[in-house]
Amino acid sequence: MRVLTIERVLVAGLLVVASAAWTARVGAQPSQAPDVLPALLTEVRGLRAAMEQMASAGPRIQLFTSRLQLQEARIGNMVRRLDTVRDSLDAAQKNYLRNEVQYKQIEAALADHRTSASPEAREEAKQAEFMLEEVKRSVASSKQTVDRLAAEEMQLAGEIATEQGRWTEINGRLDELEKLLSRR
């Protein structure tokens, strides 16, 4: 909104200056009216072109600013999602490691019970084999979860990089418009 207000003030100022210049020329040199009129017409056309250019810059700036804000929001949401995925990945990796350790422990106990000749050891070996299958499924499941979350993390990181590139492009266009307006 400030850009529109500044534009209106500039337009009003330019019109006042143009009318004052025209009044001064007309009042000071009444005999040269035919020569002044083409020059004044050229000046008015130049002012009109400048005003049109200034007026068109305001909406473009607002559009780029809105796009920039949308990009910032997208990037913020993606970063939050990435943080969540990373937290989940960390927990899944810990769970996977716990399951692997448990699997190795049961496997070692099973090997000890198999070498024993006692009936109790054989019974414990059967239970250990059953537990080993359950833990093996848990290890496989937790490995799939880790792999899925790692892939999702990589994908989100790539998407964030793409969105940041778009943000940089929009910001560059805003900078160009700012330089263009500051020259005038």
C-alpha atoms as a PDB file:
ATOM      1  CA  MET A   1       0.000   0.000   0.000  1.00  0.00           C
ATOM      2  CA  ARG A   2       2.895   2.400   0.708  1.00  0.00           C
ATOM      3  CA  VAL A   3       4.104   1.950  -2.856  1.00  0.00           C
ATOM      4  CA  LEU A   4       0.725   3.071  -4.211  1.00  0.00           C
ATOM      5  CA  THR A   5       0.691   6.095  -1.901  1.00  0.00           C
ATOM      6  CA  ILE A   6       4.202   7.082  -2.940  1.00  0.00           C
ATOM      7  CA  GLU A   7       3.216   6.646  -6.571  1.00  0.00           C
ATOM      8  CA  ARG A   8       0.188   8.888  -6.141  1.00  0.00           C
ATOM      9  CA  VAL A   9       2.266  11.568  -4.443  1.00  0.00           C
ATOM     10  CA  LEU A  10       4.838  11.393  -7.226  1.00  0.00           C
ATOM     11  CA  VAL A  11       2.134  11.611  -9.896  1.00  0.00           C
ATOM     12  CA  ALA A  12       0.511  14.586  -8.183  1.00  0.00           C
ATOM     13  CA  GLY A  13       3.888  16.291  -7.807  1.00  0.00           C
ATOM     14  CA  LEU A  14       4.721  15.730 -11.444  1.00  0.00           C
ATOM     15  CA  LEU A  15       1.386  17.185 -12.528  1.00  0.00           C
ATOM     16  CA  VAL A  16       1.894  20.260 -10.333  1.00  0.00           C
ATOM     17  CA  VAL A  17       5.395  20.792 -11.714  1.00  0.00           C
ATOM     18  CA  ALA A  18       4.188  20.307 -15.272  1.00  0.00           C
ATOM     19  CA  SER A  19       1.298  22.727 -14.848  1.00  0.00           C
ATOM     20  CA  ALA A  20       3.539  25.295 -13.132  1.00  0.00           C
ATOM     21  CA  ALA A  21       6.071  25.013 -15.918  1.00  0.00           C
ATOM     22  CA  TRP A  22       3.364  25.369 -18.503  1.00  0.00           C
ATOM     23  CA  THR A  23       1.838  28.378 -16.740  1.00  0.00           C
ATOM     24  CA  ALA A  24       5.241  30.029 -16.417  1.00  0.00           C
ATOM     25  CA  ARG A  25       6.024  29.485 -20.081  1.00  0.00           C
ATOM     26  CA  VAL A  26       2.656  30.688 -21.252  1.00  0.00           C
ATOM     27  CA  GLY A  27       2.724  33.773 -18.988  1.00  0.00           C
ATOM     28  CA  ALA A  28       6.316  34.769 -19.712  1.00  0.00           C
ATOM     29  CA  GLN A  29       6.264  34.362 -23.478  1.00  0.00           C
ATOM     30  CA  PRO A  30       2.837  34.988 -24.918  1.00  0.00           C
ATOM     31  CA  SER A  31       4.297  35.721 -28.342  1.00  0.00           C
ATOM     32  CA  GLN A  32       5.941  32.260 -28.598  1.00  0.00           C
ATOM     33  CA  ALA A  33       2.794  30.217 -27.942  1.00  0.00           C
ATOM     34  CA  PRO A  34       3.030  28.257 -31.180  1.00  0.00           C
ATOM     35  CA  ASP A  35       6.626  27.146 -30.362  1.00  0.00           C
ATOM     36  CA  VAL A  36       5.913  26.282 -26.713  1.00  0.00           C
ATOM     37  CA  LEU A  37       2.919  24.092 -27.388  1.00  0.00           C
ATOM     38  CA  PRO A  38       4.824  21.251 -29.138  1.00  0.00           C
ATOM     39  CA  ALA A  39       7.489  21.265 -26.418  1.00  0.00           C
ATOM     40  CA  LEU A  40       4.844  21.185 -23.725  1.00  0.00           C
ATOM     41  CA  LEU A  41       3.020  18.391 -25.503  1.00  0.00           C
ATOM     42  CA  THR A  42       6.255  16.380 -25.637  1.00  0.00           C
ATOM     43  CA  GLU A  43       6.828  16.999 -21.937  1.00  0.00           C
ATOM     44  CA  VAL A  44       3.279  15.891 -21.068  1.00  0.00           C
ATOM     45  CA  ARG A  45       3.699  12.727 -23.118  1.00  0.00           C
ATOM     46  CA  GLY A  46       6.953  11.992 -21.300  1.00  0.00           C
ATOM     47  CA  LEU A  47       5.253  12.537 -17.939  1.00  0.00           C
ATOM     48  CA  ARG A  48       2.381  10.300 -18.980  1.00  0.00           C
ATOM     49  CA  ALA A  49       4.800   7.512 -19.957  1.00  0.00           C
ATOM     50  CA  ALA A  50       6.636   7.867 -16.637  1.00  0.00           C
ATOM     51  CA  MET A  51       3.356   7.790 -14.705  1.00  0.00           C
ATOM     52  CA  GLU A  52       2.166   4.697 -16.568  1.00  0.00           C
ATOM     53  CA  GLN A  53       5.440   2.966 -15.892  1.00  0.00           C
ATOM     54  CA  MET A  54       5.290   3.867 -12.182  1.00  0.00           C
ATOM     55  CA  ALA A  55       1.659   2.761 -11.984  1.00  0.00           C
ATOM     56  CA  SER A  56       2.428  -0.609 -13.559  1.00  0.00           C
ATOM     57  CA  ALA A  57       5.372  -1.196 -11.203  1.00  0.00           C
ATOM     58  CA  GLY A  58       3.192  -1.110  -8.069  1.00  0.00           C
ATOM     59  CA  PRO A  59       1.041  -4.145  -8.896  1.00  0.00           C
ATOM     60  CA  ARG A  60       4.100  -6.071 -10.079  1.00  0.00           C
ATOM     61  CA  ILE A  61       5.853  -5.386  -6.792  1.00  0.00           C
ATOM     62  CA  GLN A  62       2.777  -6.514  -4.864  1.00  0.00           C
ATOM     63  CA  LEU A  63       2.547  -9.670  -6.961  1.00  0.00           C
ATOM     64  CA  PHE A  64       6.208 -10.548  -6.448  1.00  0.00           C
ATOM     65  CA  THR A  65       5.949  -9.801  -2.736  1.00  0.00           C
ATOM     66  CA  SER A  66       2.951 -12.121  -2.427  1.00  0.00           C
ATOM     67  CA  ARG A  67       4.774 -14.840  -4.328  1.00  0.00           C
ATOM     68  CA  LEU A  68       7.805 -14.380  -2.110  1.00  0.00           C
ATOM     69  CA  GLN A  69       5.656 -14.759   1.008  1.00  0.00           C
ATOM     70  CA  LEU A  70       4.036 -17.907  -0.409  1.00  0.00           C
ATOM     71  CA  GLN A  71       7.460 -19.380  -1.134  1.00  0.00           C
ATOM     72  CA  GLU A  72       8.606 -18.582   2.397  1.00  0.00           C
ATOM     73  CA  ALA A  73       5.518 -20.326   3.793  1.00  0.00           C
ATOM     74  CA  ARG A  74       6.098 -23.380   1.582  1.00  0.00           C
ATOM     75  CA  ILE A  75       9.718 -23.593   2.625  1.00  0.00           C
ATOM     76  CA  GLY A  76       8.767 -23.206   6.289  1.00  0.00           C
ATOM     77  CA  ASN A  77       6.206 -26.018   6.048  1.00  0.00           C
ATOM     78  CA  MET A  78       8.667 -28.276   4.264  1.00  0.00           C
ATOM     79  CA  VAL A  79      11.385 -27.608   6.842  1.00  0.00           C
ATOM     80  CA  ARG A  80       8.940 -28.527   9.625  1.00  0.00           C
ATOM     81  CA  ARG A  81       8.045 -31.732   7.768  1.00  0.00           C
ATOM     82  CA  LEU A  82      11.733 -32.483   7.310  1.00  0.00           C
ATOM     83  CA  ASP A  83      12.353 -32.001  11.029  1.00  0.00           C
ATOM     84  CA  THR A  84       9.502 -34.414  11.810  1.00  0.00           C
ATOM     85  CA  VAL A  85      10.836 -36.983   9.347  1.00  0.00           C
ATOM     86  CA  ARG A  86      14.334 -36.672  10.789  1.00  0.00           C
ATOM     87  CA  ASP A  87      12.995 -37.196  14.314  1.00  0.00           C
ATOM     88  CA  SER A  88      11.045 -40.253  13.142  1.00  0.00           C
ATOM     89  CA  LEU A  89      14.091 -41.543  11.290  1.00  0.00           C
ATOM     90  CA  ASP A  90      16.230 -41.206  14.405  1.00  0.00           C
ATOM     91  CA  ALA A  91      13.690 -43.156  16.464  1.00  0.00           C
ATOM     92  CA  ALA A  92      13.349 -45.806  13.733  1.00  0.00           C
ATOM     93  CA  GLN A  93      17.130 -46.249  13.521  1.00  0.00           C
ATOM     94  CA  LYS A  94      17.342 -46.727  17.286  1.00  0.00           C
ATOM     95  CA  ASN A  95      14.515 -49.274  17.141  1.00  0.00           C
ATOM     96  CA  TYR A  96      16.241 -51.082  14.277  1.00  0.00           C
ATOM     97  CA  LEU A  97      19.516 -51.272  16.209  1.00  0.00           C
ATOM     98  CA  ARG A  98      17.697 -52.576  19.319  1.00  0.00           C
ATOM     99  CA  ASN A  99      16.004 -55.266  17.245  1.00  0.00           C
ATOM    100  CA  GLU A 100      19.310 -56.277  15.657  1.00  0.00           C
ATOM    101  CA  VAL A 101      21.010 -56.559  19.062  1.00  0.00           C
ATOM    102  CA  GLN A 102      18.093 -58.595  20.392  1.00  0.00           C
ATOM    103  CA  TYR A 103      18.260 -60.855  17.318  1.00  0.00           C
ATOM    104  CA  LYS A 104      21.973 -61.477  17.831  1.00  0.00           C
ATOM    105  CA  GLN A 105      21.464 -62.203  21.526  1.00  0.00           C
ATOM    106  CA  ILE A 106      18.709 -64.724  20.851  1.00  0.00           C
ATOM    107  CA  GLU A 107      20.783 -66.298  18.083  1.00  0.00           C
ATOM    108  CA  ALA A 108      23.742 -66.680  20.472  1.00  0.00           C
ATOM    109  CA  ALA A 109      21.492 -68.193  23.160  1.00  0.00           C
ATOM    110  CA  LEU A 110      20.020 -70.591  20.606  1.00  0.00           C
ATOM    111  CA  ALA A 111      23.499 -71.734  19.595  1.00  0.00           C
ATOM    112  CA  ASP A 112      24.320 -72.413  23.277  1.00  0.00           C
ATOM    113  CA  HIS A 113      21.094 -74.386  23.797  1.00  0.00           C
ATOM    114  CA  ARG A 114      21.572 -76.470  20.665  1.00  0.00           C
ATOM    115  CA  THR A 115      24.940 -77.737  21.866  1.00  0.00           C
ATOM    116  CA  SER A 116      23.474 -78.796  25.197  1.00  0.00           C
ATOM    117  CA  ALA A 117      22.119 -82.356  25.595  1.00  0.00           C
ATOM    118  CA  SER A 118      19.636 -81.647  28.386  1.00  0.00           C
ATOM    119  CA  PRO A 119      15.882 -81.763  27.672  1.00  0.00           C
ATOM    120  CA  GLU A 120      15.420 -78.322  29.285  1.00  0.00           C
ATOM    121  CA  ALA A 121      17.971 -76.807  26.944  1.00  0.00           C
ATOM    122  CA  ARG A 122      16.153 -78.330  23.954  1.00  0.00           C
ATOM    123  CA  GLU A 123      12.874 -76.816  25.149  1.00  0.00           C
ATOM    124  CA  GLU A 124      14.564 -73.440  25.573  1.00  0.00           C
ATOM    125  CA  ALA A 125      16.036 -73.839  22.080  1.00  0.00           C
ATOM    126  CA  LYS A 126      12.522 -74.303  20.633  1.00  0.00           C
ATOM    127  CA  GLN A 127      11.327 -71.158  22.432  1.00  0.00           C
ATOM    128  CA  ALA A 128      14.401 -69.286  21.271  1.00  0.00           C
ATOM    129  CA  GLU A 129      13.710 -70.350  17.668  1.00  0.00           C
ATOM    130  CA  PHE A 130      10.145 -69.035  17.942  1.00  0.00           C
ATOM    131  CA  MET A 131      11.392 -65.747  19.456  1.00  0.00           C
ATOM    132  CA  LEU A 132      14.092 -65.555  16.788  1.00  0.00           C
ATOM    133  CA  GLU A 133      11.468 -65.625  14.024  1.00  0.00           C
ATOM    134  CA  GLU A 134       9.463 -62.846  15.732  1.00  0.00           C
ATOM    135  CA  VAL A 135      12.534 -60.672  16.210  1.00  0.00           C
ATOM    136  CA  LYS A 136      13.614 -61.379  12.633  1.00  0.00           C
ATOM    137  CA  ARG A 137      10.263 -60.004  11.397  1.00  0.00           C
ATOM    138  CA  SER A 138      10.702 -56.964  13.664  1.00  0.00           C
ATOM    139  CA  VAL A 139      14.191 -56.365  12.269  1.00  0.00           C
ATOM    140  CA  ALA A 140      12.882 -56.553   8.697  1.00  0.00           C
ATOM    141  CA  SER A 141       9.967 -54.243   9.489  1.00  0.00           C
ATOM    142  CA  SER A 142      12.141 -51.691  11.261  1.00  0.00           C
ATOM    143  CA  LYS A 143      14.646 -51.811   8.371  1.00  0.00           C
ATOM    144  CA  GLN A 144      11.846 -51.022   5.903  1.00  0.00           C
ATOM    145  CA  THR A 145      10.747 -48.111   8.085  1.00  0.00           C
ATOM    146  CA  VAL A 146      14.298 -46.750   8.242  1.00  0.00           C
ATOM    147  CA  ASP A 147      14.680 -47.055   4.466  1.00  0.00           C
ATOM    148  CA  ARG A 148      11.327 -45.367   3.797  1.00  0.00           C
ATOM    149  CA  LEU A 149      12.066 -42.480   6.159  1.00  0.00           C
ATOM    150  CA  ALA A 150      15.572 -42.017   4.741  1.00  0.00           C
ATOM    151  CA  ALA A 151      14.125 -41.814   1.214  1.00  0.00           C
ATOM    152  CA  GLU A 152      11.483 -39.340   2.382  1.00  0.00           C
ATOM    153  CA  GLU A 153      14.187 -37.234   4.053  1.00  0.00           C
ATOM    154  CA  MET A 154      16.200 -37.092   0.825  1.00  0.00           C
ATOM    155  CA  GLN A 155      13.125 -36.203  -1.214  1.00  0.00           C
ATOM    156  CA  LEU A 156      12.135 -33.397   1.163  1.00  0.00           C
ATOM    157  CA  ALA A 157      15.672 -32.008   1.192  1.00  0.00           C
ATOM    158  CA  GLY A 158      15.600 -31.889  -2.624  1.00  0.00           C
ATOM    159  CA  GLU A 159      12.193 -30.212  -2.678  1.00  0.00           C
ATOM    160  CA  ILE A 160      13.373 -27.625  -0.165  1.00  0.00           C
ATOM    161  CA  ALA A 161      16.393 -26.850  -2.334  1.00  0.00           C
ATOM    162  CA  THR A 162      14.099 -26.393  -5.352  1.00  0.00           C
ATOM    163  CA  GLU A 163      11.735 -24.102  -3.436  1.00  0.00           C
ATOM    164  CA  GLN A 164      14.677 -22.074  -2.121  1.00  0.00           C
ATOM    165  CA  GLY A 165      15.838 -21.633  -5.712  1.00  0.00           C
ATOM    166  CA  ARG A 166      12.404 -20.294  -6.648  1.00  0.00           C
ATOM    167  CA  TRP A 167      12.506 -17.986  -3.629  1.00  0.00           C
ATOM    168  CA  THR A 168      15.887 -16.665  -4.747  1.00  0.00           C
ATOM    169  CA  GLU A 169      14.566 -16.054  -8.265  1.00  0.00           C
ATOM    170  CA  ILE A 170      11.541 -14.109  -7.025  1.00  0.00           C
ATOM    171  CA  ASN A 171      13.704 -12.116  -4.635  1.00  0.00           C
ATOM    172  CA  GLY A 172      16.033 -11.286  -7.544  1.00  0.00           C
ATOM    173  CA  ARG A 173      13.120  -9.967  -9.576  1.00  0.00           C
ATOM    174  CA  LEU A 174      12.072  -7.785  -6.660  1.00  0.00           C
ATOM    175  CA  ASP A 175      15.616  -6.438  -6.461  1.00  0.00           C
ATOM    176  CA  GLU A 176      15.532  -5.637 -10.191  1.00  0.00           C
ATOM    177  CA  LEU A 177      12.260  -3.747  -9.809  1.00  0.00           C
ATOM    178  CA  GLU A 178      13.644  -1.850  -6.848  1.00  0.00           C
ATOM    179  CA  LYS A 179      16.710  -0.802  -8.856  1.00  0.00           C
ATOM    180  CA  LEU A 180      14.514   0.212 -11.774  1.00  0.00           C
ATOM    181  CA  LEU A 181      12.352   2.386  -9.546  1.00  0.00           C
ATOM    182  CA  SER A 182      15.290   3.933  -7.698  1.00  0.00           C
ATOM    183  CA  ARG A 183      16.781   5.197 -10.990  1.00  0.00           C
ATOM    184  CA  ARG A 184      13.784   7.411 -11.599  1.00  0.00           C
END
